[in-house]
C-alpha atoms as a PDB file:
ATOM      1  CA  MET A   1      -0.022   0.004   0.090  1.00  0.00           C
ATOM      2  CA  LEU A   2       1.183   3.597  -0.666  1.00  0.00           C
ATOM      3  CA  MET A   3       1.526   5.851   2.188  1.00  0.00           C
ATOM      4  CA  LEU A   4       2.305   9.697   1.829  1.00  0.00           C
ATOM      5  CA  THR A   5       3.680  11.758   4.682  1.00  0.00           C
ATOM      6  CA  GLY A   6       3.119  15.472   4.969  1.00  0.00           C
ATOM      7  CA  THR A   7       5.649  17.512   6.698  1.00  0.00           C
ATOM      8  CA  TYR A   8       6.769  20.912   7.760  1.00  0.00           C
ATOM      9  CA  THR A   9       9.577  21.923   5.450  1.00  0.00           C
ATOM     10  CA  ARG A  10      10.654  25.239   6.794  1.00  0.00           C
ATOM     11  CA  ASN A  11      13.796  25.269   8.973  1.00  0.00           C
ATOM     12  CA  THR A  12      13.413  21.388   9.419  1.00  0.00           C
ATOM     13  CA  GLY A  13      15.486  19.816   6.751  1.00  0.00           C
ATOM     14  CA  SER A  14      12.391  18.263   5.335  1.00  0.00           C
ATOM     15  CA  GLU A  15      11.987  18.309   1.628  1.00  0.00           C
ATOM     16  CA  GLY A  16       8.310  18.052   1.058  1.00  0.00           C
ATOM     17  CA  VAL A  17       5.891  15.133   0.751  1.00  0.00           C
ATOM     18  CA  TYR A  18       7.342  11.768   1.244  1.00  0.00           C
ATOM     19  CA  GLY A  19       6.044   8.539  -0.343  1.00  0.00           C
ATOM     20  CA  PHE A  20       6.607   4.970   0.874  1.00  0.00           C
ATOM     21  CA  GLU A  21       5.450   1.477  -0.189  1.00  0.00           C
ATOM     22  CA  VAL A  22       4.432  -0.297   2.887  1.00  0.00           C
ATOM     23  CA  ASP A  23       3.905  -4.167   3.376  1.00  0.00           C
ATOM     24  CA  ASP A  24       0.837  -5.515   4.945  1.00  0.00           C
ATOM     25  CA  GLU A  25       2.528  -6.060   8.348  1.00  0.00           C
ATOM     26  CA  CYS A  26       3.713  -2.439   8.527  1.00  0.00           C
ATOM     27  CA  ARG A  27       7.221  -3.558   8.960  1.00  0.00           C
ATOM     28  CA  LYS A  28       8.901  -2.404   5.699  1.00  0.00           C
ATOM     29  CA  PHE A  29       8.819   1.044   4.368  1.00  0.00           C
ATOM     30  CA  GLU A  30      10.263   1.290   0.879  1.00  0.00           C
ATOM     31  CA  PRO A  31      10.687   4.925  -0.085  1.00  0.00           C
ATOM     32  CA  THR A  32       9.171   6.135  -3.460  1.00  0.00           C
ATOM     33  CA  ALA A  33       9.347   9.419  -4.962  1.00  0.00           C
ATOM     34  CA  THR A  34       9.499  12.559  -2.871  1.00  0.00           C
ATOM     35  CA  ASN A  35       7.753  15.820  -4.049  1.00  0.00           C
ATOM     36  CA  ARG A  36      10.171  18.502  -3.160  1.00  0.00           C
ATOM     37  CA  GLN A  37       8.039  21.436  -4.604  1.00  0.00           C
ATOM     38  CA  ILE A  38       5.478  21.677  -1.959  1.00  0.00           C
ATOM     39  CA  ASP A  39       5.986  24.138   0.901  1.00  0.00           C
ATOM     40  CA  ASN A  40       4.859  23.293   4.369  1.00  0.00           C
ATOM     41  CA  PRO A  41       2.381  20.435   3.293  1.00  0.00           C
ATOM     42  CA  SER A  42       1.011  19.903   6.720  1.00  0.00           C
ATOM     43  CA  TRP A  43      -2.371  18.133   5.587  1.00  0.00           C
ATOM     44  CA  LEU A  44      -3.114  15.807   2.674  1.00  0.00           C
ATOM     45  CA  VAL A  45      -6.266  14.529   1.361  1.00  0.00           C
ATOM     46  CA  HIS A  46      -7.061  12.019  -1.557  1.00  0.00           C
ATOM     47  CA  HIS A  47      -9.639  12.612  -4.247  1.00  0.00           C
ATOM     48  CA  PRO A  48     -12.345   9.771  -3.944  1.00  0.00           C
ATOM     49  CA  ALA A  49     -12.173   8.746  -7.449  1.00  0.00           C
ATOM     50  CA  LEU A  50      -8.876  10.057  -9.076  1.00  0.00           C
ATOM     51  CA  ASP A  51      -5.254   9.401  -8.365  1.00  0.00           C
ATOM     52  CA  VAL A  52      -5.016  13.066  -7.097  1.00  0.00           C
ATOM     53  CA  VAL A  53      -3.857  14.260  -3.754  1.00  0.00           C
ATOM     54  CA  TYR A  54      -4.291  17.890  -2.241  1.00  0.00           C
ATOM     55  CA  ALA A  55      -1.965  19.304   0.082  1.00  0.00           C
ATOM     56  CA  VAL A  56      -2.151  22.605   2.076  1.00  0.00           C
ATOM     57  CA  ASN A  57       0.766  25.000   1.995  1.00  0.00           C
ATOM     58  CA  GLU A  58       0.475  26.055   5.557  1.00  0.00           C
ATOM     59  CA  VAL A  59       2.148  29.423   5.208  1.00  0.00           C
ATOM     60  CA  ARG A  60       0.973  33.064   5.463  1.00  0.00           C
ATOM     61  CA  ASP A  61       3.559  35.084   3.464  1.00  0.00           C
ATOM     62  CA  ARG A  62       2.212  34.217  -0.112  1.00  0.00           C
ATOM     63  CA  ASP A  63      -0.036  36.352  -2.219  1.00  0.00           C
ATOM     64  CA  GLY A  64      -3.559  35.547  -0.626  1.00  0.00           C
ATOM     65  CA  GLY A  65      -1.837  33.829   2.358  1.00  0.00           C
ATOM     66  CA  GLY A  66      -1.404  30.186   1.848  1.00  0.00           C
ATOM     67  CA  GLY A  67      -2.001  27.689  -1.033  1.00  0.00           C
ATOM     68  CA  ILE A  68      -3.326  24.398  -1.943  1.00  0.00           C
ATOM     69  CA  THR A  69      -1.134  22.135  -4.248  1.00  0.00           C
ATOM     70  CA  ALA A  70      -2.732  19.291  -6.267  1.00  0.00           C
ATOM     71  CA  PHE A  71      -0.423  16.295  -7.519  1.00  0.00           C
ATOM     72  CA  GLY A  72      -0.972  13.093  -9.090  1.00  0.00           C
ATOM     73  CA  HIS A  73       0.525   9.671  -8.241  1.00  0.00           C
ATOM     74  CA  ASN A  74       0.832   6.313  -9.956  1.00  0.00           C
ATOM     75  CA  SER A  75       0.721   2.908  -8.337  1.00  0.00           C
ATOM     76  CA  LEU A  76       4.624   3.065  -7.787  1.00  0.00           C
ATOM     77  CA  GLY A  77       4.233   6.326  -5.621  1.00  0.00           C
ATOM     78  CA  VAL A  78       5.630   8.584  -8.373  1.00  0.00           C
ATOM     79  CA  LEU A  79       4.404  12.019  -7.678  1.00  0.00           C
ATOM     80  CA  SER A  80       3.756  14.751 -10.380  1.00  0.00           C
ATOM     81  CA  GLU A  81       2.634  18.377  -9.409  1.00  0.00           C
ATOM     82  CA  LEU A  82      -0.709  19.421 -11.261  1.00  0.00           C
ATOM     83  CA  GLY A  83      -0.948  22.821  -9.949  1.00  0.00           C
ATOM     84  CA  GLU A  84      -1.417  25.359  -7.105  1.00  0.00           C
ATOM     85  CA  VAL A  85      -4.179  27.802  -6.100  1.00  0.00           C
ATOM     86  CA  SER A  86      -4.446  30.329  -3.250  1.00  0.00           C
ATOM     87  CA  SER A  87      -6.093  29.164  -0.094  1.00  0.00           C
ATOM     88  CA  MET A  88      -7.619  32.662   0.238  1.00  0.00           C
ATOM     89  CA  GLY A  89      -6.115  33.005   3.824  1.00  0.00           C
ATOM     90  CA  GLY A  90      -3.183  32.522   5.916  1.00  0.00           C
ATOM     91  CA  ASP A  91      -1.909  29.228   7.490  1.00  0.00           C
ATOM     92  CA  PRO A  92      -4.334  26.776   5.862  1.00  0.00           C
ATOM     93  CA  CYS A  93      -4.102  23.633   8.006  1.00  0.00           C
ATOM     94  CA  HIS A  94      -6.877  21.239   6.897  1.00  0.00           C
ATOM     95  CA  LEU A  95      -8.901  20.046   3.784  1.00  0.00           C
ATOM     96  CA  ALA A  96     -12.183  18.166   3.378  1.00  0.00           C
ATOM     97  CA  ILE A  97     -13.446  16.650  -0.082  1.00  0.00           C
ATOM     98  CA  ASP A  98     -16.954  15.452  -0.516  1.00  0.00           C
ATOM     99  CA  SER A  99     -17.398  11.702  -1.239  1.00  0.00           C
ATOM    100  CA  ALA A 100     -18.470  12.416  -4.725  1.00  0.00           C
ATOM    101  CA  GLY A 101     -15.253  14.611  -5.580  1.00  0.00           C
ATOM    102  CA  ARG A 102     -17.382  17.616  -6.443  1.00  0.00           C
ATOM    103  CA  TYR A 103     -15.812  20.230  -4.242  1.00  0.00           C
ATOM    104  CA  LEU A 104     -12.859  20.913  -1.782  1.00  0.00           C
ATOM    105  CA  LEU A 105     -13.142  22.964   1.457  1.00  0.00           C
ATOM    106  CA  VAL A 106     -10.093  24.428   3.101  1.00  0.00           C
ATOM    107  CA  SER A 107      -9.687  25.932   6.614  1.00  0.00           C
ATOM    108  CA  ASN A 108      -7.385  28.933   7.086  1.00  0.00           C
ATOM    109  CA  TYR A 109      -6.249  28.898  10.673  1.00  0.00           C
ATOM    110  CA  GLY A 110      -4.438  32.371  10.469  1.00  0.00           C
ATOM    111  CA  GLY A 111      -7.070  33.911   8.094  1.00  0.00           C
ATOM    112  CA  GLY A 112     -10.005  32.813  10.319  1.00  0.00           C
ATOM    113  CA  ASN A 113     -12.074  31.756   7.346  1.00  0.00           C
ATOM    114  CA  LEU A 114     -13.063  28.824   5.123  1.00  0.00           C
ATOM    115  CA  ALA A 115     -12.708  28.786   1.357  1.00  0.00           C
ATOM    116  CA  SER A 116     -14.563  26.445  -1.062  1.00  0.00           C
ATOM    117  CA  PHE A 117     -13.403  25.094  -4.472  1.00  0.00           C
ATOM    118  CA  ALA A 118     -15.358  23.395  -7.168  1.00  0.00           C
ATOM    119  CA  LEU A 119     -13.441  20.451  -8.532  1.00  0.00           C
ATOM    120  CA  GLY A 120     -13.229  19.692 -12.331  1.00  0.00           C
ATOM    121  CA  LYS A 121     -13.263  16.373 -14.231  1.00  0.00           C
ATOM    122  CA  GLY A 122      -9.467  16.018 -13.739  1.00  0.00           C
ATOM    123  CA  GLY A 123      -9.641  17.100 -10.056  1.00  0.00           C
ATOM    124  CA  GLU A 124      -8.641  20.843 -10.798  1.00  0.00           C
ATOM    125  CA  PRO A 125      -9.766  23.181  -8.203  1.00  0.00           C
ATOM    126  CA  ALA A 126     -11.807  26.385  -8.989  1.00  0.00           C
ATOM    127  CA  PHE A 127     -12.454  29.053  -6.320  1.00  0.00           C
ATOM    128  CA  ALA A 128     -16.173  28.922  -5.519  1.00  0.00           C
ATOM    129  CA  GLY A 129     -16.572  30.926  -2.298  1.00  0.00           C
ATOM    130  CA  LEU A 130     -15.306  32.381   1.032  1.00  0.00           C
ATOM    131  CA  VAL A 131     -16.835  32.596   4.543  1.00  0.00           C
ATOM    132  CA  GLN A 132     -15.049  34.953   7.106  1.00  0.00           C
ATOM    133  CA  HIS A 133     -15.353  34.366  10.819  1.00  0.00           C
ATOM    134  CA  ALA A 134     -15.074  37.185  13.258  1.00  0.00           C
ATOM    135  CA  GLY A 135     -14.835  37.498  17.008  1.00  0.00           C
ATOM    136  CA  ARG A 136     -12.478  36.208  19.779  1.00  0.00           C
ATOM    137  CA  GLY A 137     -12.238  33.810  22.727  1.00  0.00           C
ATOM    138  CA  VAL A 138     -11.182  34.229  26.398  1.00  0.00           C
ATOM    139  CA  ASP A 139      -7.626  32.862  25.871  1.00  0.00           C
ATOM    140  CA  PRO A 140      -5.425  36.091  25.449  1.00  0.00           C
ATOM    141  CA  MET A 141      -2.752  34.267  23.562  1.00  0.00           C
ATOM    142  CA  ARG A 142      -4.440  31.729  21.401  1.00  0.00           C
ATOM    143  CA  GLN A 143      -7.928  33.268  20.797  1.00  0.00           C
ATOM    144  CA  LYS A 144      -7.302  36.894  19.866  1.00  0.00           C
ATOM    145  CA  GLY A 145      -9.482  36.218  16.774  1.00  0.00           C
ATOM    146  CA  PRO A 146     -11.207  33.417  14.817  1.00  0.00           C
ATOM    147  CA  HIS A 147      -9.075  30.311  13.971  1.00  0.00           C
ATOM    148  CA  VAL A 148     -10.740  27.934  11.546  1.00  0.00           C
ATOM    149  CA  HIS A 149      -8.977  24.733  12.274  1.00  0.00           C
ATOM    150  CA  SER A 150     -10.820  22.018  10.406  1.00  0.00           C
ATOM    151  CA  ILE A 151     -13.957  20.994   8.428  1.00  0.00           C
ATOM    152  CA  THR A 152     -15.993  17.861   8.636  1.00  0.00           C
ATOM    153  CA  LEU A 153     -18.583  16.718   6.124  1.00  0.00           C
ATOM    154  CA  ASP A 154     -21.633  14.763   7.140  1.00  0.00           C
ATOM    155  CA  ASN A 155     -23.842  12.556   4.839  1.00  0.00           C
ATOM    156  CA  ALA A 156     -26.370  15.261   4.211  1.00  0.00           C
ATOM    157  CA  GLY A 157     -24.343  17.939   2.561  1.00  0.00           C
ATOM    158  CA  ASN A 158     -23.372  19.906   5.750  1.00  0.00           C
ATOM    159  CA  ALA A 159     -19.985  21.283   6.685  1.00  0.00           C
ATOM    160  CA  TYR A 160     -19.139  21.326  10.331  1.00  0.00           C
ATOM    161  CA  VAL A 161     -16.322  24.017  10.966  1.00  0.00           C
ATOM    162  CA  ALA A 162     -14.307  23.820  14.222  1.00  0.00           C
ATOM    163  CA  ASP A 163     -13.189  27.227  15.104  1.00  0.00           C
ATOM    164  CA  LEU A 164     -10.454  27.250  17.929  1.00  0.00           C
ATOM    165  CA  GLY A 165     -10.493  30.876  18.414  1.00  0.00           C
ATOM    166  CA  LEU A 166     -14.128  31.237  18.948  1.00  0.00           C
ATOM    167  CA  ASP A 167     -14.957  27.993  20.760  1.00  0.00           C
ATOM    168  CA  GLN A 168     -17.556  27.240  18.304  1.00  0.00           C
ATOM    169  CA  VAL A 169     -18.504  24.307  15.845  1.00  0.00           C
ATOM    170  CA  VAL A 170     -20.418  25.981  13.072  1.00  0.00           C
ATOM    171  CA  ARG A 171     -22.601  24.083  10.527  1.00  0.00           C
ATOM    172  CA  TYR A 172     -22.979  25.315   6.998  1.00  0.00           C
ATOM    173  CA  PRO A 173     -25.059  23.588   4.232  1.00  0.00           C
ATOM    174  CA  VAL A 174     -22.874  23.184   0.839  1.00  0.00           C
ATOM    175  CA  GLY A 175     -24.186  23.143  -2.511  1.00  0.00           C
ATOM    176  CA  ALA A 176     -23.023  20.417  -5.115  1.00  0.00           C
ATOM    177  CA  GLY A 177     -20.518  23.162  -6.668  1.00  0.00           C
ATOM    178  CA  GLY A 178     -19.108  23.949  -3.225  1.00  0.00           C
ATOM    179  CA  SER A 179     -21.156  27.128  -2.460  1.00  0.00           C
ATOM    180  CA  VAL A 180     -21.493  27.562   1.361  1.00  0.00           C
ATOM    181  CA  SER A 181     -24.732  28.769   2.688  1.00  0.00           C
ATOM    182  CA  VAL A 182     -24.155  31.458   5.323  1.00  0.00           C
ATOM    183  CA  GLU A 183     -28.018  31.799   5.733  1.00  0.00           C
ATOM    184  CA  GLY A 184     -28.206  28.165   7.023  1.00  0.00           C
ATOM    185  CA  ARG A 185     -25.574  28.675   9.546  1.00  0.00           C
ATOM    186  CA  ARG A 186     -26.029  27.001  13.114  1.00  0.00           C
ATOM    187  CA  THR A 187     -23.625  27.192  15.913  1.00  0.00           C
ATOM    188  CA  LEU A 188     -22.758  24.959  18.870  1.00  0.00           C
ATOM    189  CA  ARG A 189     -20.851  27.009  21.527  1.00  0.00           C
ATOM    190  CA  LEU A 190     -18.581  25.019  23.675  1.00  0.00           C
ATOM    191  CA  ARG A 191     -17.043  25.857  26.954  1.00  0.00           C
ATOM    192  CA  PRO A 192     -14.993  29.159  26.941  1.00  0.00           C
ATOM    193  CA  GLY A 193     -11.250  28.344  26.367  1.00  0.00           C
ATOM    194  CA  ALA A 194     -12.008  24.810  25.021  1.00  0.00           C
ATOM    195  CA  GLY A 195     -10.321  25.508  21.707  1.00  0.00           C
ATOM    196  CA  PRO A 196     -12.136  23.066  19.364  1.00  0.00           C
ATOM    197  CA  ARG A 197      -9.767  21.535  16.915  1.00  0.00           C
ATOM    198  CA  MET A 198     -11.609  18.702  15.015  1.00  0.00           C
ATOM    199  CA  LEU A 199     -14.823  16.744  14.909  1.00  0.00           C
ATOM    200  CA  ALA A 200     -15.183  13.044  13.885  1.00  0.00           C
ATOM    201  CA  PHE A 201     -18.546  11.475  13.054  1.00  0.00           C
ATOM    202  CA  ASP A 202     -19.654   7.879  13.292  1.00  0.00           C
ATOM    203  CA  ARG A 203     -20.842   6.166   9.995  1.00  0.00           C
ATOM    204  CA  ALA A 204     -24.311   7.352  10.373  1.00  0.00           C
ATOM    205  CA  CYS A 205     -23.337  10.870  11.473  1.00  0.00           C
ATOM    206  CA  ARG A 206     -25.540  10.402  14.480  1.00  0.00           C
ATOM    207  CA  TYR A 207     -22.893  10.807  17.231  1.00  0.00           C
ATOM    208  CA  GLY A 208     -19.813  13.009  16.786  1.00  0.00           C
ATOM    209  CA  TYR A 209     -16.606  13.703  18.852  1.00  0.00           C
ATOM    210  CA  VAL A 210     -14.922  17.040  19.064  1.00  0.00           C
ATOM    211  CA  VAL A 211     -11.365  17.131  20.304  1.00  0.00           C
ATOM    212  CA  ASN A 212     -10.523  20.459  22.123  1.00  0.00           C
ATOM    213  CA  GLU A 213      -6.922  21.603  21.803  1.00  0.00           C
ATOM    214  CA  LEU A 214      -6.772  24.045  24.684  1.00  0.00           C
ATOM    215  CA  ASP A 215      -8.485  22.320  27.627  1.00  0.00           C
ATOM    216  CA  ASN A 216      -7.494  18.745  26.355  1.00  0.00           C
ATOM    217  CA  THR A 217     -11.083  17.304  26.444  1.00  0.00           C
ATOM    218  CA  LEU A 218     -13.385  15.307  24.109  1.00  0.00           C
ATOM    219  CA  VAL A 219     -17.019  16.536  23.793  1.00  0.00           C
ATOM    220  CA  VAL A 220     -19.580  14.077  22.609  1.00  0.00           C
ATOM    221  CA  VAL A 221     -22.465  15.539  20.554  1.00  0.00           C
ATOM    222  CA  GLU A 222     -25.493  14.185  18.971  1.00  0.00           C
ATOM    223  CA  ARG A 223     -26.594  15.237  15.601  1.00  0.00           C
ATOM    224  CA  ASP A 224     -30.479  15.772  15.246  1.00  0.00           C
ATOM    225  CA  ASP A 225     -32.630  15.518  12.240  1.00  0.00           C
ATOM    226  CA  LYS A 226     -32.045  18.965  11.298  1.00  0.00           C
ATOM    227  CA  GLY A 227     -28.176  18.602  11.314  1.00  0.00           C
ATOM    228  CA  ASP A 228     -27.909  20.638  14.661  1.00  0.00           C
ATOM    229  CA  LEU A 229     -25.464  19.446  17.271  1.00  0.00           C
ATOM    230  CA  ILE A 230     -26.449  18.701  20.812  1.00  0.00           C
ATOM    231  CA  GLU A 231     -23.780  18.384  23.600  1.00  0.00           C
ATOM    232  CA  LEU A 232     -24.011  15.171  25.558  1.00  0.00           C
ATOM    233  CA  GLY A 233     -20.871  15.089  27.712  1.00  0.00           C
ATOM    234  CA  THR A 234     -17.204  16.070  28.201  1.00  0.00           C
ATOM    235  CA  TYR A 235     -14.153  13.703  28.879  1.00  0.00           C
ATOM    236  CA  SER A 236     -10.583  14.432  29.707  1.00  0.00           C
ATOM    237  CA  ALA A 237      -8.015  13.286  27.207  1.00  0.00           C
ATOM    238  CA  LEU A 238      -5.303  13.342  29.941  1.00  0.00           C
ATOM    239  CA  PRO A 239      -4.526  11.145  33.008  1.00  0.00           C
ATOM    240  CA  GLY A 240      -5.836  12.662  36.072  1.00  0.00           C
ATOM    241  CA  ASN A 241      -2.478  12.997  37.740  1.00  0.00           C
ATOM    242  CA  PHE A 242      -0.846  14.833  34.782  1.00  0.00           C
ATOM    243  CA  ALA A 243      -0.486  18.581  35.323  1.00  0.00           C
ATOM    244  CA  ASP A 244       2.103  19.842  32.870  1.00  0.00           C
ATOM    245  CA  ALA A 245       1.318  21.635  29.536  1.00  0.00           C
ATOM    246  CA  SER A 246      -0.226  19.539  26.859  1.00  0.00           C
ATOM    247  CA  TYR A 247      -2.385  20.182  23.802  1.00  0.00           C
ATOM    248  CA  CYS A 248      -4.678  17.630  22.128  1.00  0.00           C
ATOM    249  CA  ALA A 249      -4.231  17.231  18.304  1.00  0.00           C
ATOM    250  CA  HIS A 250      -6.012  14.607  16.021  1.00  0.00           C
ATOM    251  CA  ILE A 251      -9.065  12.460  16.595  1.00  0.00           C
ATOM    252  CA  ALA A 252     -10.433   9.465  14.668  1.00  0.00           C
ATOM    253  CA  ILE A 253     -13.133   6.928  15.060  1.00  0.00           C
ATOM    254  CA  THR A 254     -13.058   3.300  13.896  1.00  0.00           C
ATOM    255  CA  ARG A 255     -15.218   2.116  11.020  1.00  0.00           C
ATOM    256  CA  ASP A 256     -17.271  -0.052  13.301  1.00  0.00           C
ATOM    257  CA  ASP A 257     -17.911   2.965  15.508  1.00  0.00           C
ATOM    258  CA  ARG A 258     -16.618   1.119  18.660  1.00  0.00           C
ATOM    259  CA  PHE A 259     -13.464   3.072  19.435  1.00  0.00           C
ATOM    260  CA  VAL A 260     -12.246   6.741  19.441  1.00  0.00           C
ATOM    261  CA  TYR A 261      -8.659   7.709  19.435  1.00  0.00           C
ATOM    262  CA  ALA A 262      -7.054  11.015  20.069  1.00  0.00           C
ATOM    263  CA  SER A 263      -3.442  12.323  20.368  1.00  0.00           C
ATOM    264  CA  ASN A 264      -1.986  14.457  23.210  1.00  0.00           C
ATOM    265  CA  ARG A 265       1.047  16.722  22.547  1.00  0.00           C
ATOM    266  CA  GLY A 266       2.990  17.260  25.742  1.00  0.00           C
ATOM    267  CA  HIS A 267       1.758  14.152  27.571  1.00  0.00           C
ATOM    268  CA  ASP A 268       2.841  12.613  24.163  1.00  0.00           C
ATOM    269  CA  SER A 269       0.285   9.754  24.138  1.00  0.00           C
ATOM    270  CA  MET A 270      -2.596   8.235  22.546  1.00  0.00           C
ATOM    271  CA  VAL A 271      -5.900   8.112  24.462  1.00  0.00           C
ATOM    272  CA  VAL A 272      -8.326   5.338  23.645  1.00  0.00           C
ATOM    273  CA  PHE A 273     -12.036   5.441  24.409  1.00  0.00           C
ATOM    274  CA  ARG A 274     -14.749   2.806  23.880  1.00  0.00           C
ATOM    275  CA  VAL A 275     -18.023   4.086  22.449  1.00  0.00           C
ATOM    276  CA  GLU A 276     -21.020   3.020  24.510  1.00  0.00           C
ATOM    277  CA  PRO A 277     -24.507   2.523  23.013  1.00  0.00           C
ATOM    278  CA  ASP A 278     -25.688   5.884  23.850  1.00  0.00           C
ATOM    279  CA  GLY A 279     -22.649   7.473  22.045  1.00  0.00           C
ATOM    280  CA  LYS A 280     -20.783   8.292  25.340  1.00  0.00           C
ATOM    281  CA  LEU A 281     -17.282   7.235  26.007  1.00  0.00           C
ATOM    282  CA  SER A 282     -15.383   4.985  28.571  1.00  0.00           C
ATOM    283  CA  LEU A 283     -11.610   5.258  28.917  1.00  0.00           C
ATOM    284  CA  VAL A 284      -9.518   2.321  27.690  1.00  0.00           C
ATOM    285  CA  GLN A 285      -5.985   3.403  27.754  1.00  0.00           C
ATOM    286  CA  HIS A 286      -3.281   5.934  27.575  1.00  0.00           C
ATOM    287  CA  GLU A 287      -0.335   4.738  25.533  1.00  0.00           C
ATOM    288  CA  SER A 288       2.986   6.594  25.058  1.00  0.00           C
ATOM    289  CA  THR A 289       3.608   7.613  21.289  1.00  0.00           C
ATOM    290  CA  LYS A 290       7.391   6.952  21.569  1.00  0.00           C
ATOM    291  CA  GLY A 291       8.107  10.489  20.515  1.00  0.00           C
ATOM    292  CA  ARG A 292       7.373  14.024  20.957  1.00  0.00           C
ATOM    293  CA  HIS A 293       4.363  16.098  19.654  1.00  0.00           C
ATOM    294  CA  PRO A 294       2.043  13.665  18.075  1.00  0.00           C
ATOM    295  CA  ARG A 295       0.466  15.992  15.803  1.00  0.00           C
ATOM    296  CA  HIS A 296      -1.342  13.298  13.577  1.00  0.00           C
ATOM    297  CA  PHE A 297      -1.904   9.545  13.286  1.00  0.00           C
ATOM    298  CA  ALA A 298      -3.762   7.278  10.857  1.00  0.00           C
ATOM    299  CA  MET A 299      -5.091   3.725  10.738  1.00  0.00           C
ATOM    300  CA  THR A 300      -4.091   1.374   7.951  1.00  0.00           C
ATOM    301  CA  PRO A 301      -7.078   0.532   5.617  1.00  0.00           C
ATOM    302  CA  ASP A 302      -7.663  -2.702   7.499  1.00  0.00           C
ATOM    303  CA  GLU A 303      -7.391  -0.822  10.730  1.00  0.00           C
ATOM    304  CA  ARG A 304      -5.035  -3.418  12.119  1.00  0.00           C
ATOM    305  CA  TYR A 305      -2.280  -0.885  12.685  1.00  0.00           C
ATOM    306  CA  LEU A 306      -2.241   2.743  13.837  1.00  0.00           C
ATOM    307  CA  LEU A 307       0.739   4.871  12.932  1.00  0.00           C
ATOM    308  CA  VAL A 308       1.737   8.204  14.812  1.00  0.00           C
ATOM    309  CA  ALA A 309       3.638  11.124  13.375  1.00  0.00           C
ATOM    310  CA  ASN A 310       5.809  12.641  16.198  1.00  0.00           C
ATOM    311  CA  ARG A 311       6.794  16.041  14.725  1.00  0.00           C
ATOM    312  CA  ASP A 312       9.555  16.896  17.197  1.00  0.00           C
ATOM    313  CA  ASP A 313      11.433  13.505  17.143  1.00  0.00           C
ATOM    314  CA  ASN A 314      11.170  13.111  13.477  1.00  0.00           C
ATOM    315  CA  ASN A 315       9.661   9.694  13.518  1.00  0.00           C
ATOM    316  CA  ILE A 316       6.586   7.668  12.647  1.00  0.00           C
ATOM    317  CA  VAL A 317       5.788   4.884  14.996  1.00  0.00           C
ATOM    318  CA  VAL A 318       3.618   1.803  14.468  1.00  0.00           C
ATOM    319  CA  PHE A 319       1.262   0.380  16.971  1.00  0.00           C
ATOM    320  CA  GLU A 320      -0.824  -2.796  16.496  1.00  0.00           C
ATOM    321  CA  ARG A 321      -4.542  -2.291  17.355  1.00  0.00           C
ATOM    322  CA  ASN A 322      -6.566  -4.914  19.187  1.00  0.00           C
ATOM    323  CA  ALA A 323     -10.022  -4.853  17.358  1.00  0.00           C
ATOM    324  CA  ASP A 324     -11.785  -6.334  20.266  1.00  0.00           C
ATOM    325  CA  THR A 325     -10.520  -4.054  23.225  1.00  0.00           C
ATOM    326  CA  GLY A 326      -9.163  -1.008  21.190  1.00  0.00           C
ATOM    327  CA  GLU A 327      -5.856  -1.097  22.920  1.00  0.00           C
ATOM    328  CA  LEU A 328      -2.707  -0.217  21.150  1.00  0.00           C
ATOM    329  CA  ALA A 329       0.691  -2.060  21.425  1.00  0.00           C
ATOM    330  CA  PHE A 330       4.046  -0.761  20.286  1.00  0.00           C
ATOM    331  CA  THR A 331       5.290  -3.139  17.503  1.00  0.00           C
ATOM    332  CA  GLY A 332       8.915  -1.892  17.672  1.00  0.00           C
ATOM    333  CA  THR A 333       8.866  -0.389  14.278  1.00  0.00           C
ATOM    334  CA  GLU A 334       9.801   3.214  13.765  1.00  0.00           C
ATOM    335  CA  LEU A 335      10.346   5.133  10.515  1.00  0.00           C
ATOM    336  CA  THR A 336      12.453   8.366  10.286  1.00  0.00           C
ATOM    337  CA  VAL A 337      10.796  11.250   8.580  1.00  0.00           C
ATOM    338  CA  PRO A 338      11.574  14.998   9.186  1.00  0.00           C
ATOM    339  CA  ALA A 339       9.017  16.897  10.948  1.00  0.00           C
ATOM    340  CA  PRO A 340       6.104  14.526   9.921  1.00  0.00           C
ATOM    341  CA  VAL A 341       2.685  16.059  10.613  1.00  0.00           C
ATOM    342  CA  CYS A 342       0.283  14.158   8.304  1.00  0.00           C
ATOM    343  CA  ILE A 343      -0.022  10.400   7.348  1.00  0.00           C
ATOM    344  CA  LEU A 344      -2.301   9.375   4.252  1.00  0.00           C
ATOM    345  CA  PHE A 345      -2.879   5.994   2.891  1.00  0.00           C
ATOM    346  CA  CYS A 346      -3.787   6.057  -0.683  1.00  0.00           C
ATOM    347  CA  PRO A 347      -6.440   3.809  -2.207  1.00  0.00           C
END
């Protein structure tokens, strides 16, 4: 299977997006081609039908702020750049693409906005619209303004936008061409200072799980028939005896909807929760990530293994996942990649 790794390239020694051919046991990683043309490709997403990958350029010093780079790949992992467009805001850090491959949405953290792009037959993005957030939160350092961190799509044409700066998860209806309806906006307001970073839905999009970066919590929400979110409960991502600085990062739920995983930067761990029948969570495990600053993680397509990207120790660490208990066990396999911040398994 082909695995691509996004990195931070500025002042790190990284050259861009790294490709690897990975065996089914996640023990052998054979390097393929590296795309050296992409600046700070911190998030990657694959087109659902084409051999096209989109990467953000998480910078703020270009015309228009940051960028989105599209590139193709073949079965051998050889990468070819297809083009670049402005993200329409500074520090883009996340991308979402609909299941039909009709449009692409980007969250601009520094710009405090989300931009939408219609996708052509070859996957080429064309600007479709921009929604600007406004306001601030209670944290004097991290919430001086809006910080759109991620966008999650449901199965009914809605985009849920996690704004770390405003302590909000905002729902917008999205048209087939990527147009975002501001008139249909609905807002879930979280606890002041929470800092919502990302939302993950179960398969039916009934229950969702918001990971909060600033207060290190997970919030369980239920999505009603209108698409609005109802808060059900809050859970700490950290052990009760940990008092040092830490910041939650990524979150994911298994395809069988039984387990939720999140990463802690500072405590440098993965936290594992079991999902109960009412959507609420029970703690299973805290497992060391064997490296500092686990910004991102990804499960293999069969969900047998979970790989963690530790940015500050320049490694990707492999864990075997127990499908019955959800527990993670370090396999002893590590891969050296400079400043890794995103892992993508390509279909």
